[in-house]
Amino acid sequence: MRLIKKKLIVVSINSVIAVQLVSLLARRTMGDRYNIHSQLEHLQSKYIGTGHADTAQFEWCVNQQRDTYASYMGHFDMLNMIALAENETKARVRFNMMEKMVQPCGPPPEKNED
């Protein structure tokens, strides 16, 4: 009997929390929605890699690759591991990554005039 009561209490607490979450989401106003969108637009204008609605697949992939190379170069241990795996010096690995950052996904695709 005690086990059943404990399960009922847990279920009732979870349902109360769910009801509170739904009521909080329902209370959001248009002002909150505008505020969220303005914050997102601010982040997208401030940081290039966050993208926007018109970001092409190629542009997104280039940002991903550049961020990855920058992270590898910024983390000393990752750079050591890559240098050891490639049997190269750390300076050579860093130089190769810097060269790859120029066009990490190859030349950009041709744009249509349509």
PDB file of N, CA and C in Angstrom:
ATOM      1  N   MET A   1       0.825  -1.192   0.000  1.00  0.00           N
ATOM      2  CA  MET A   1       0.000   0.000   0.000  1.00  0.00           C
ATOM      3  C   MET A   1       0.870   1.258   0.000  1.00  0.00           C
ATOM      4  N   ARG A   2       1.988   1.221   0.759  1.00  0.00           N
ATOM      5  CA  ARG A   2       2.851   2.389   0.820  1.00  0.00           C
ATOM      6  C   ARG A   2       3.481   2.670  -0.538  1.00  0.00           C
ATOM      7  N   LEU A   3       3.874   1.617  -1.261  1.00  0.00           N
ATOM      8  CA  LEU A   3       4.494   1.783  -2.567  1.00  0.00           C
ATOM      9  C   LEU A   3       3.533   2.459  -3.537  1.00  0.00           C
ATOM     10  N   ILE A   4       2.273   2.085  -3.490  1.00  0.00           N
ATOM     11  CA  ILE A   4       1.277   2.688  -4.373  1.00  0.00           C
ATOM     12  C   ILE A   4       1.102   4.160  -4.041  1.00  0.00           C
ATOM     13  N   LYS A   5       1.080   4.514  -2.753  1.00  0.00           N
ATOM     14  CA  LYS A   5       0.921   5.911  -2.355  1.00  0.00           C
ATOM     15  C   LYS A   5       2.117   6.737  -2.821  1.00  0.00           C
ATOM     16  N   LYS A   6       3.335   6.190  -2.701  1.00  0.00           N
ATOM     17  CA  LYS A   6       4.528   6.918  -3.124  1.00  0.00           C
ATOM     18  C   LYS A   6       4.494   7.170  -4.636  1.00  0.00           C
ATOM     19  N   LYS A   7       4.070   6.161  -5.386  1.00  0.00           N
ATOM     20  CA  LYS A   7       3.994   6.340  -6.844  1.00  0.00           C
ATOM     21  C   LYS A   7       2.956   7.393  -7.198  1.00  0.00           C
ATOM     22  N   LEU A   8       1.828   7.399  -6.494  1.00  0.00           N
ATOM     23  CA  LEU A   8       0.799   8.388  -6.761  1.00  0.00           C
ATOM     24  C   LEU A   8       1.297   9.800  -6.439  1.00  0.00           C
ATOM     25  N   ILE A   9       2.059   9.920  -5.361  1.00  0.00           N
ATOM     26  CA  ILE A   9       2.588  11.232  -4.992  1.00  0.00           C
ATOM     27  C   ILE A   9       3.564  11.723  -6.055  1.00  0.00           C
ATOM     28  N   VAL A  10       4.442  10.831  -6.518  1.00  0.00           N
ATOM     29  CA  VAL A  10       5.411  11.204  -7.543  1.00  0.00           C
ATOM     30  C   VAL A  10       4.696  11.602  -8.831  1.00  0.00           C
ATOM     31  N   VAL A  11       3.700  10.828  -9.222  1.00  0.00           N
ATOM     32  CA  VAL A  11       2.949  11.135 -10.434  1.00  0.00           C
ATOM     33  C   VAL A  11       2.224  12.461 -10.284  1.00  0.00           C
ATOM     34  N   SER A  12       1.635  12.704  -9.118  1.00  0.00           N
ATOM     35  CA  SER A  12       0.900  13.958  -8.931  1.00  0.00           C
ATOM     36  C   SER A  12       1.848  15.154  -8.921  1.00  0.00           C
ATOM     37  N   ILE A  13       3.057  14.999  -8.347  1.00  0.00           N
ATOM     38  CA  ILE A  13       4.033  16.089  -8.353  1.00  0.00           C
ATOM     39  C   ILE A  13       4.484  16.367  -9.783  1.00  0.00           C
ATOM     40  N   ASN A  14       4.763  15.310 -10.543  1.00  0.00           N
ATOM     41  CA  ASN A  14       5.179  15.495 -11.931  1.00  0.00           C
ATOM     42  C   ASN A  14       4.094  16.170 -12.756  1.00  0.00           C
ATOM     43  N   SER A  15       2.844  15.812 -12.516  1.00  0.00           N
ATOM     44  CA  SER A  15       1.765  16.440 -13.274  1.00  0.00           C
ATOM     45  C   SER A  15       1.603  17.902 -12.881  1.00  0.00           C
ATOM     46  N   VAL A  16       1.830  18.234 -11.623  1.00  0.00           N
ATOM     47  CA  VAL A  16       1.746  19.633 -11.188  1.00  0.00           C
ATOM     48  C   VAL A  16       2.841  20.445 -11.872  1.00  0.00           C
ATOM     49  N   ILE A  17       4.046  19.888 -11.937  1.00  0.00           N
ATOM     50  CA  ILE A  17       5.153  20.577 -12.600  1.00  0.00           C
ATOM     51  C   ILE A  17       4.838  20.772 -14.076  1.00  0.00           C
ATOM     52  N   ALA A  18       4.291  19.751 -14.719  1.00  0.00           N
ATOM     53  CA  ALA A  18       3.942  19.861 -16.137  1.00  0.00           C
ATOM     54  C   ALA A  18       2.887  20.940 -16.357  1.00  0.00           C
ATOM     55  N   VAL A  19       1.896  21.014 -15.478  1.00  0.00           N
ATOM     56  CA  VAL A  19       0.852  22.034 -15.597  1.00  0.00           C
ATOM     57  C   VAL A  19       1.451  23.424 -15.424  1.00  0.00           C
ATOM     58  N   GLN A  20       2.388  23.571 -14.491  1.00  0.00           N
ATOM     59  CA  GLN A  20       3.026  24.869 -14.285  1.00  0.00           C
ATOM     60  C   GLN A  20       3.838  25.280 -15.504  1.00  0.00           C
ATOM     61  N   LEU A  21       4.544  24.325 -16.122  1.00  0.00           N
ATOM     62  CA  LEU A  21       5.311  24.639 -17.321  1.00  0.00           C
ATOM     63  C   LEU A  21       4.403  25.071 -18.464  1.00  0.00           C
ATOM     64  N   VAL A  22       3.301  24.371 -18.626  1.00  0.00           N
ATOM     65  CA  VAL A  22       2.359  24.728 -19.685  1.00  0.00           C
ATOM     66  C   VAL A  22       1.778  26.113 -19.434  1.00  0.00           C
ATOM     67  N   SER A  23       1.456  26.415 -18.189  1.00  0.00           N
ATOM     68  CA  SER A  23       0.890  27.737 -17.900  1.00  0.00           C
ATOM     69  C   SER A  23       1.937  28.834 -18.116  1.00  0.00           C
ATOM     70  N   LEU A  24       3.210  28.554 -17.808  1.00  0.00           N
ATOM     71  CA  LEU A  24       4.264  29.537 -18.066  1.00  0.00           C
ATOM     72  C   LEU A  24       4.423  29.783 -19.559  1.00  0.00           C
ATOM     73  N   LEU A  25       4.387  28.727 -20.344  1.00  0.00           N
ATOM     74  CA  LEU A  25       4.512  28.884 -21.788  1.00  0.00           C
ATOM     75  C   LEU A  25       3.307  29.605 -22.374  1.00  0.00           C
ATOM     76  N   ALA A  26       2.136  29.359 -21.808  1.00  0.00           N
ATOM     77  CA  ALA A  26       0.930  30.011 -22.311  1.00  0.00           C
ATOM     78  C   ALA A  26       0.925  31.498 -21.983  1.00  0.00           C
ATOM     79  N   ARG A  27       1.627  31.907 -20.922  1.00  0.00           N
ATOM     80  CA  ARG A  27       1.646  33.300 -20.505  1.00  0.00           C
ATOM     81  C   ARG A  27       2.592  34.158 -21.337  1.00  0.00           C
ATOM     82  N   ARG A  28       3.397  33.537 -22.176  1.00  0.00           N
ATOM     83  CA  ARG A  28       4.312  34.316 -23.013  1.00  0.00           C
ATOM     84  C   ARG A  28       3.507  35.244 -23.910  1.00  0.00           C
ATOM     85  N   THR A  29       3.961  36.439 -24.005  1.00  0.00           N
ATOM     86  CA  THR A  29       3.242  37.431 -24.800  1.00  0.00           C
ATOM     87  C   THR A  29       3.991  37.692 -26.093  1.00  0.00           C
ATOM     88  N   MET A  30       3.422  38.536 -26.915  1.00  0.00           N
ATOM     89  CA  MET A  30       4.079  38.911 -28.162  1.00  0.00           C
ATOM     90  C   MET A  30       5.374  39.672 -27.864  1.00  0.00           C
ATOM     91  N   GLY A  31       5.399  40.406 -26.774  1.00  0.00           N
ATOM     92  CA  GLY A  31       6.609  41.132 -26.397  1.00  0.00           C
ATOM     93  C   GLY A  31       7.761  40.182 -26.114  1.00  0.00           C
ATOM     94  N   ASP A  32       7.470  39.060 -25.460  1.00  0.00           N
ATOM     95  CA  ASP A  32       8.510  38.059 -25.214  1.00  0.00           C
ATOM     96  C   ASP A  32       9.023  37.479 -26.518  1.00  0.00           C
ATOM     97  N   ARG A  33       8.107  37.207 -27.436  1.00  0.00           N
ATOM     98  CA  ARG A  33       8.507  36.640 -28.722  1.00  0.00           C
ATOM     99  C   ARG A  33       9.389  37.629 -29.489  1.00  0.00           C
ATOM    100  N   TYR A  34       9.017  38.900 -29.467  1.00  0.00           N
ATOM    101  CA  TYR A  34       9.823  39.919 -30.135  1.00  0.00           C
ATOM    102  C   TYR A  34      11.195  40.022 -29.476  1.00  0.00           C
ATOM    103  N   ASN A  35      11.230  39.944 -28.169  1.00  0.00           N
ATOM    104  CA  ASN A  35      12.482  40.043 -27.430  1.00  0.00           C
ATOM    105  C   ASN A  35      13.408  38.885 -27.791  1.00  0.00           C
ATOM    106  N   ILE A  36      12.885  37.676 -27.888  1.00  0.00           N
ATOM    107  CA  ILE A  36      13.688  36.513 -28.249  1.00  0.00           C
ATOM    108  C   ILE A  36      14.244  36.663 -29.659  1.00  0.00           C
ATOM    109  N   HIS A  37      13.411  37.111 -30.595  1.00  0.00           N
ATOM    110  CA  HIS A  37      13.859  37.285 -31.978  1.00  0.00           C
ATOM    111  C   HIS A  37      14.907  38.391 -32.084  1.00  0.00           C
ATOM    112  N   SER A  38      14.723  39.469 -31.322  1.00  0.00           N
ATOM    113  CA  SER A  38      15.712  40.549 -31.385  1.00  0.00           C
ATOM    114  C   SER A  38      17.044  40.093 -30.798  1.00  0.00           C
ATOM    115  N   GLN A  39      17.008  39.268 -29.750  1.00  0.00           N
ATOM    116  CA  GLN A  39      18.252  38.740 -29.192  1.00  0.00           C
ATOM    117  C   GLN A  39      18.938  37.829 -30.195  1.00  0.00           C
ATOM    118  N   LEU A  40      18.174  37.006 -30.879  1.00  0.00           N
ATOM    119  CA  LEU A  40      18.740  36.104 -31.878  1.00  0.00           C
ATOM    120  C   LEU A  40      19.356  36.891 -33.035  1.00  0.00           C
ATOM    121  N   GLU A  41      18.657  37.916 -33.499  1.00  0.00           N
ATOM    122  CA  GLU A  41      19.196  38.747 -34.576  1.00  0.00           C
ATOM    123  C   GLU A  41      20.472  39.457 -34.139  1.00  0.00           C
ATOM    124  N   HIS A  42      20.523  39.871 -32.886  1.00  0.00           N
ATOM    125  CA  HIS A  42      21.729  40.520 -32.375  1.00  0.00           C
ATOM    126  C   HIS A  42      22.904  39.548 -32.377  1.00  0.00           C
ATOM    127  N   LEU A  43      22.669  38.322 -31.917  1.00  0.00           N
ATOM    128  CA  LEU A  43      23.736  37.316 -31.922  1.00  0.00           C
ATOM    129  C   LEU A  43      24.192  37.004 -33.341  1.00  0.00           C
ATOM    130  N   GLN A  44      23.244  36.907 -34.263  1.00  0.00           N
ATOM    131  CA  GLN A  44      23.594  36.583 -35.640  1.00  0.00           C
ATOM    132  C   GLN A  44      24.373  37.709 -36.295  1.00  0.00           C
ATOM    133  N   SER A  45      24.104  38.944 -35.926  1.00  0.00           N
ATOM    134  CA  SER A  45      24.869  40.048 -36.500  1.00  0.00           C
ATOM    135  C   SER A  45      26.239  40.176 -35.843  1.00  0.00           C
ATOM    136  N   LYS A  46      26.336  39.770 -34.583  1.00  0.00           N
ATOM    137  CA  LYS A  46      27.594  39.907 -33.847  1.00  0.00           C
ATOM    138  C   LYS A  46      28.580  38.800 -34.194  1.00  0.00           C
ATOM    139  N   TYR A  47      28.108  37.561 -34.327  1.00  0.00           N
ATOM    140  CA  TYR A  47      28.972  36.418 -34.589  1.00  0.00           C
ATOM    141  C   TYR A  47      28.651  35.839 -35.968  1.00  0.00           C
ATOM    142  N   ILE A  48      29.661  35.733 -36.800  1.00  0.00           N
ATOM    143  CA  ILE A  48      29.462  35.295 -38.179  1.00  0.00           C
ATOM    144  C   ILE A  48      28.972  33.851 -38.239  1.00  0.00           C
ATOM    145  N   GLY A  49      29.503  32.981 -37.407  1.00  0.00           N
ATOM    146  CA  GLY A  49      29.208  31.554 -37.492  1.00  0.00           C
ATOM    147  C   GLY A  49      27.817  31.144 -37.074  1.00  0.00           C
ATOM    148  N   THR A  50      27.016  32.043 -36.519  1.00  0.00           N
ATOM    149  CA  THR A  50      25.682  31.644 -36.066  1.00  0.00           C
ATOM    150  C   THR A  50      24.701  31.498 -37.214  1.00  0.00           C
ATOM    151  N   GLY A  51      25.002  32.095 -38.358  1.00  0.00           N
ATOM    152  CA  GLY A  51      24.143  31.935 -39.533  1.00  0.00           C
ATOM    153  C   GLY A  51      22.867  32.753 -39.428  1.00  0.00           C
ATOM    154  N   HIS A  52      22.050  32.626 -40.465  1.00  0.00           N
ATOM    155  CA  HIS A  52      20.762  33.304 -40.532  1.00  0.00           C
ATOM    156  C   HIS A  52      19.877  32.521 -41.486  1.00  0.00           C
ATOM    157  N   ALA A  53      18.732  33.039 -41.798  1.00  0.00           N
ATOM    158  CA  ALA A  53      17.768  32.311 -42.619  1.00  0.00           C
ATOM    159  C   ALA A  53      18.274  32.071 -44.041  1.00  0.00           C
ATOM    160  N   ASP A  54      19.131  32.959 -44.537  1.00  0.00           N
ATOM    161  CA  ASP A  54      19.613  32.837 -45.909  1.00  0.00           C
ATOM    162  C   ASP A  54      20.993  32.187 -46.016  1.00  0.00           C
ATOM    163  N   THR A  55      21.472  31.565 -44.956  1.00  0.00           N
ATOM    164  CA  THR A  55      22.788  30.927 -44.985  1.00  0.00           C
ATOM    165  C   THR A  55      22.738  29.698 -45.892  1.00  0.00           C
ATOM    166  N   ALA A  56      23.665  29.653 -46.844  1.00  0.00           N
ATOM    167  CA  ALA A  56      23.727  28.522 -47.773  1.00  0.00           C
ATOM    168  C   ALA A  56      24.473  27.354 -47.105  1.00  0.00           C
ATOM    169  N   GLN A  57      24.294  26.178 -47.657  1.00  0.00           N
ATOM    170  CA  GLN A  57      24.942  24.986 -47.112  1.00  0.00           C
ATOM    171  C   GLN A  57      26.461  25.123 -47.168  1.00  0.00           C
ATOM    172  N   PHE A  58      26.987  25.636 -48.276  1.00  0.00           N
ATOM    173  CA  PHE A  58      28.428  25.785 -48.419  1.00  0.00           C
ATOM    174  C   PHE A  58      28.979  26.746 -47.365  1.00  0.00           C
ATOM    175  N   GLU A  59      28.285  27.857 -47.158  1.00  0.00           N
ATOM    176  CA  GLU A  59      28.725  28.850 -46.174  1.00  0.00           C
ATOM    177  C   GLU A  59      28.722  28.265 -44.767  1.00  0.00           C
ATOM    178  N   TRP A  60      27.695  27.487 -44.455  1.00  0.00           N
ATOM    179  CA  TRP A  60      27.607  26.856 -43.148  1.00  0.00           C
ATOM    180  C   TRP A  60      28.748  25.859 -42.958  1.00  0.00           C
ATOM    181  N   CYS A  61      29.045  25.051 -43.986  1.00  0.00           N
ATOM    182  CA  CYS A  61      30.136  24.074 -43.903  1.00  0.00           C
ATOM    183  C   CYS A  61      31.489  24.757 -43.730  1.00  0.00           C
ATOM    184  N   VAL A  62      31.691  25.868 -44.419  1.00  0.00           N
ATOM    185  CA  VAL A  62      32.946  26.615 -44.280  1.00  0.00           C
ATOM    186  C   VAL A  62      33.102  27.109 -42.846  1.00  0.00           C
ATOM    187  N   ASN A  63      32.023  27.641 -42.278  1.00  0.00           N
ATOM    188  CA  ASN A  63      32.088  28.109 -40.882  1.00  0.00           C
ATOM    189  C   ASN A  63      32.387  26.960 -39.930  1.00  0.00           C
ATOM    190  N   GLN A  64      31.768  25.792 -40.162  1.00  0.00           N
ATOM    191  CA  GLN A  64      32.027  24.623 -39.317  1.00  0.00           C
ATOM    192  C   GLN A  64      33.500  24.223 -39.378  1.00  0.00           C
ATOM    193  N   GLN A  65      34.036  24.129 -40.580  1.00  0.00           N
ATOM    194  CA  GLN A  65      35.432  23.711 -40.743  1.00  0.00           C
ATOM    195  C   GLN A  65      36.385  24.710 -40.096  1.00  0.00           C
ATOM    196  N   ARG A  66      36.146  25.980 -40.304  1.00  0.00           N
ATOM    197  CA  ARG A  66      37.033  26.996 -39.720  1.00  0.00           C
ATOM    198  C   ARG A  66      36.961  26.987 -38.198  1.00  0.00           C
ATOM    199  N   ASP A  67      35.778  26.815 -37.660  1.00  0.00           N
ATOM    200  CA  ASP A  67      35.644  26.731 -36.204  1.00  0.00           C
ATOM    201  C   ASP A  67      36.372  25.506 -35.662  1.00  0.00           C
ATOM    202  N   THR A  68      36.285  24.399 -36.398  1.00  0.00           N
ATOM    203  CA  THR A  68      36.954  23.176 -35.967  1.00  0.00           C
ATOM    204  C   THR A  68      38.466  23.356 -35.964  1.00  0.00           C
ATOM    205  N   TYR A  69      39.016  23.902 -37.038  1.00  0.00           N
ATOM    206  CA  TYR A  69      40.462  24.123 -37.094  1.00  0.00           C
ATOM    207  C   TYR A  69      40.908  25.107 -36.020  1.00  0.00           C
ATOM    208  N   ALA A  70      40.136  26.151 -35.795  1.00  0.00           N
ATOM    209  CA  ALA A  70      40.487  27.125 -34.757  1.00  0.00           C
ATOM    210  C   ALA A  70      40.475  26.471 -33.376  1.00  0.00           C
ATOM    211  N   SER A  71      39.524  25.584 -33.148  1.00  0.00           N
ATOM    212  CA  SER A  71      39.464  24.877 -31.869  1.00  0.00           C
ATOM    213  C   SER A  71      40.657  23.953 -31.696  1.00  0.00           C
ATOM    214  N   TYR A  72      41.021  23.232 -32.760  1.00  0.00           N
ATOM    215  CA  TYR A  72      42.190  22.351 -32.687  1.00  0.00           C
ATOM    216  C   TYR A  72      43.455  23.148 -32.377  1.00  0.00           C
ATOM    217  N   MET A  73      43.595  24.301 -33.011  1.00  0.00           N
ATOM    218  CA  MET A  73      44.797  25.106 -32.786  1.00  0.00           C
ATOM    219  C   MET A  73      44.786  25.752 -31.409  1.00  0.00           C
ATOM    220  N   GLY A  74      43.619  26.028 -30.886  1.00  0.00           N
ATOM    221  CA  GLY A  74      43.513  26.663 -29.584  1.00  0.00           C
ATOM    222  C   GLY A  74      43.705  25.718 -28.413  1.00  0.00           C
ATOM    223  N   HIS A  75      43.438  24.442 -28.620  1.00  0.00           N
ATOM    224  CA  HIS A  75      43.613  23.459 -27.552  1.00  0.00           C
ATOM    225  C   HIS A  75      44.945  22.749 -27.752  1.00  0.00           C
ATOM    226  N   PHE A  76      45.875  23.035 -26.854  1.00  0.00           N
ATOM    227  CA  PHE A  76      47.245  22.558 -26.966  1.00  0.00           C
ATOM    228  C   PHE A  76      47.311  21.034 -27.050  1.00  0.00           C
ATOM    229  N   ASP A  77      46.521  20.344 -26.237  1.00  0.00           N
ATOM    230  CA  ASP A  77      46.563  18.874 -26.223  1.00  0.00           C
ATOM    231  C   ASP A  77      46.056  18.273 -27.529  1.00  0.00           C
ATOM    232  N   MET A  78      45.028  18.865 -28.113  1.00  0.00           N
ATOM    233  CA  MET A  78      44.526  18.367 -29.396  1.00  0.00           C
ATOM    234  C   MET A  78      45.573  18.547 -30.488  1.00  0.00           C
ATOM    235  N   LEU A  79      46.266  19.680 -30.466  1.00  0.00           N
ATOM    236  CA  LEU A  79      47.315  19.933 -31.442  1.00  0.00           C
ATOM    237  C   LEU A  79      48.461  18.930 -31.267  1.00  0.00           C
ATOM    238  N   ASN A  80      48.805  18.630 -30.018  1.00  0.00           N
ATOM    239  CA  ASN A  80      49.843  17.620 -29.751  1.00  0.00           C
ATOM    240  C   ASN A  80      49.429  16.256 -30.288  1.00  0.00           C
ATOM    241  N   MET A  81      48.176  15.879 -30.059  1.00  0.00           N
ATOM    242  CA  MET A  81      47.708  14.567 -30.512  1.00  0.00           C
ATOM    243  C   MET A  81      47.747  14.469 -32.032  1.00  0.00           C
ATOM    244  N   ILE A  82      47.303  15.524 -32.718  1.00  0.00           N
ATOM    245  CA  ILE A  82      47.296  15.519 -34.183  1.00  0.00           C
ATOM    246  C   ILE A  82      48.722  15.476 -34.716  1.00  0.00           C
ATOM    247  N   ALA A  83      49.629  16.253 -34.098  1.00  0.00           N
ATOM    248  CA  ALA A  83      51.029  16.250 -34.527  1.00  0.00           C
ATOM    249  C   ALA A  83      51.653  14.881 -34.333  1.00  0.00           C
ATOM    250  N   LEU A  84      51.330  14.229 -33.245  1.00  0.00           N
ATOM    251  CA  LEU A  84      51.863  12.888 -32.998  1.00  0.00           C
ATOM    252  C   LEU A  84      51.299  11.879 -33.991  1.00  0.00           C
ATOM    253  N   ALA A  85      50.010  11.966 -34.291  1.00  0.00           N
ATOM    254  CA  ALA A  85      49.376  11.026 -35.217  1.00  0.00           C
ATOM    255  C   ALA A  85      49.906  11.206 -36.644  1.00  0.00           C
ATOM    256  N   GLU A  86      50.196  12.455 -37.035  1.00  0.00           N
ATOM    257  CA  GLU A  86      50.692  12.717 -38.387  1.00  0.00           C
ATOM    258  C   GLU A  86      52.212  12.659 -38.477  1.00  0.00           C
ATOM    259  N   ASN A  87      52.884  12.487 -37.333  1.00  0.00           N
ATOM    260  CA  ASN A  87      54.343  12.445 -37.262  1.00  0.00           C
ATOM    261  C   ASN A  87      54.948  13.733 -37.842  1.00  0.00           C
ATOM    262  N   GLU A  88      54.378  14.842 -37.440  1.00  0.00           N
ATOM    263  CA  GLU A  88      54.834  16.168 -37.860  1.00  0.00           C
ATOM    264  C   GLU A  88      55.083  17.013 -36.620  1.00  0.00           C
ATOM    265  N   THR A  89      55.784  18.128 -36.809  1.00  0.00           N
ATOM    266  CA  THR A  89      55.962  19.046 -35.687  1.00  0.00           C
ATOM    267  C   THR A  89      54.675  19.821 -35.462  1.00  0.00           C
ATOM    268  N   LYS A  90      54.539  20.364 -34.238  1.00  0.00           N
ATOM    269  CA  LYS A  90      53.330  21.135 -33.920  1.00  0.00           C
ATOM    270  C   LYS A  90      53.235  22.384 -34.787  1.00  0.00           C
ATOM    271  N   ALA A  91      54.372  23.000 -35.070  1.00  0.00           N
ATOM    272  CA  ALA A  91      54.362  24.195 -35.915  1.00  0.00           C
ATOM    273  C   ALA A  91      53.895  23.864 -37.328  1.00  0.00           C
ATOM    274  N   ARG A  92      54.321  22.715 -37.867  1.00  0.00           N
ATOM    275  CA  ARG A  92      53.904  22.312 -39.213  1.00  0.00           C
ATOM    276  C   ARG A  92      52.409  22.013 -39.231  1.00  0.00           C
ATOM    277  N   VAL A  93      51.906  21.340 -38.196  1.00  0.00           N
ATOM    278  CA  VAL A  93      50.474  21.031 -38.129  1.00  0.00           C
ATOM    279  C   VAL A  93      49.674  22.329 -38.045  1.00  0.00           C
ATOM    280  N   ARG A  94      50.129  23.276 -37.220  1.00  0.00           N
ATOM    281  CA  ARG A  94      49.439  24.562 -37.094  1.00  0.00           C
ATOM    282  C   ARG A  94      49.454  25.305 -38.432  1.00  0.00           C
ATOM    283  N   PHE A  95      50.588  25.281 -39.121  1.00  0.00           N
ATOM    284  CA  PHE A  95      50.695  25.943 -40.417  1.00  0.00           C
ATOM    285  C   PHE A  95      49.748  25.305 -41.438  1.00  0.00           C
ATOM    286  N   ASN A  96      49.695  23.972 -41.466  1.00  0.00           N
ATOM    287  CA  ASN A  96      48.796  23.270 -42.396  1.00  0.00           C
ATOM    288  C   ASN A  96      47.334  23.610 -42.117  1.00  0.00           C
ATOM    289  N   MET A  97      46.990  23.701 -40.844  1.00  0.00           N
ATOM    290  CA  MET A  97      45.606  24.045 -40.501  1.00  0.00           C
ATOM    291  C   MET A  97      45.282  25.475 -40.908  1.00  0.00           C
ATOM    292  N   MET A  98      46.239  26.376 -40.734  1.00  0.00           N
ATOM    293  CA  MET A  98      46.014  27.764 -41.154  1.00  0.00           C
ATOM    294  C   MET A  98      45.811  27.834 -42.661  1.00  0.00           C
ATOM    295  N   GLU A  99      46.560  27.056 -43.420  1.00  0.00           N
ATOM    296  CA  GLU A  99      46.359  27.027 -44.874  1.00  0.00           C
ATOM    297  C   GLU A  99      45.001  26.449 -45.242  1.00  0.00           C
ATOM    298  N   LYS A 100      44.563  25.424 -44.520  1.00  0.00           N
ATOM    299  CA  LYS A 100      43.257  24.816 -44.803  1.00  0.00           C
ATOM    300  C   LYS A 100      42.107  25.765 -44.479  1.00  0.00           C
ATOM    301  N   MET A 101      42.330  26.713 -43.592  1.00  0.00           N
ATOM    302  CA  MET A 101      41.264  27.643 -43.214  1.00  0.00           C
ATOM    303  C   MET A 101      40.935  28.636 -44.327  1.00  0.00           C
ATOM    304  N   VAL A 102      41.821  28.788 -45.308  1.00  0.00           N
ATOM    305  CA  VAL A 102      41.553  29.725 -46.399  1.00  0.00           C
ATOM    306  C   VAL A 102      40.350  29.258 -47.210  1.00  0.00           C
ATOM    307  N   GLN A 103      40.384  28.021 -47.689  1.00  0.00           N
ATOM    308  CA  GLN A 103      39.241  27.412 -48.382  1.00  0.00           C
ATOM    309  C   GLN A 103      39.067  25.989 -47.867  1.00  0.00           C
ATOM    310  N   PRO A 104      38.444  25.835 -46.693  1.00  0.00           N
ATOM    311  CA  PRO A 104      38.361  24.511 -46.082  1.00  0.00           C
ATOM    312  C   PRO A 104      37.490  23.524 -46.855  1.00  0.00           C
ATOM    313  N   CYS A 105      36.533  23.996 -47.618  1.00  0.00           N
ATOM    314  CA  CYS A 105      35.631  23.102 -48.357  1.00  0.00           C
ATOM    315  C   CYS A 105      35.821  23.233 -49.865  1.00  0.00           C
ATOM    316  N   GLY A 106      36.959  23.731 -50.293  1.00  0.00           N
ATOM    317  CA  GLY A 106      37.209  23.905 -51.712  1.00  0.00           C
ATOM    318  C   GLY A 106      36.669  25.231 -52.210  1.00  0.00           C
ATOM    319  N   PRO A 107      36.756  25.451 -53.505  1.00  0.00           N
ATOM    320  CA  PRO A 107      36.254  26.723 -54.049  1.00  0.00           C
ATOM    321  C   PRO A 107      34.740  26.812 -53.916  1.00  0.00           C
ATOM    322  N   PRO A 108      34.222  28.022 -53.763  1.00  0.00           N
ATOM    323  CA  PRO A 108      32.773  28.174 -53.619  1.00  0.00           C
ATOM    324  C   PRO A 108      32.039  27.802 -54.902  1.00  0.00           C
ATOM    325  N   PRO A 109      30.826  27.313 -54.770  1.00  0.00           N
ATOM    326  CA  PRO A 109      30.058  26.952 -55.966  1.00  0.00           C
ATOM    327  C   PRO A 109      29.661  28.199 -56.752  1.00  0.00           C
ATOM    328  N   GLU A 110      29.456  28.016 -58.023  1.00  0.00           N
ATOM    329  CA  GLU A 110      29.041  29.142 -58.868  1.00  0.00           C
ATOM    330  C   GLU A 110      27.586  29.513 -58.551  1.00  0.00           C
ATOM    331  N   LYS A 111      27.351  30.808 -58.487  1.00  0.00           N
ATOM    332  CA  LYS A 111      26.000  31.288 -58.189  1.00  0.00           C
ATOM    333  C   LYS A 111      25.231  31.484 -59.471  1.00  0.00           C
ATOM    334  N   ASN A 112      23.962  31.109 -59.451  1.00  0.00           N
ATOM    335  CA  ASN A 112      23.088  31.310 -60.616  1.00  0.00           C
ATOM    336  C   ASN A 112      22.650  32.760 -60.683  1.00  0.00           C
ATOM    337  N   GLU A 113      22.451  33.252 -61.862  1.00  0.00           N
ATOM    338  CA  GLU A 113      22.024  34.635 -62.072  1.00  0.00           C
ATOM    339  C   GLU A 113      20.507  34.787 -61.993  1.00  0.00           C
ATOM    340  N   ASP A 114      19.779  33.706 -61.735  1.00  0.00           N
ATOM    341  CA  ASP A 114      18.303  33.757 -61.698  1.00  0.00           C
ATOM    342  C   ASP A 114      17.791  34.533 -60.536  1.00  0.00           C
TER     343      ASP A 114
END
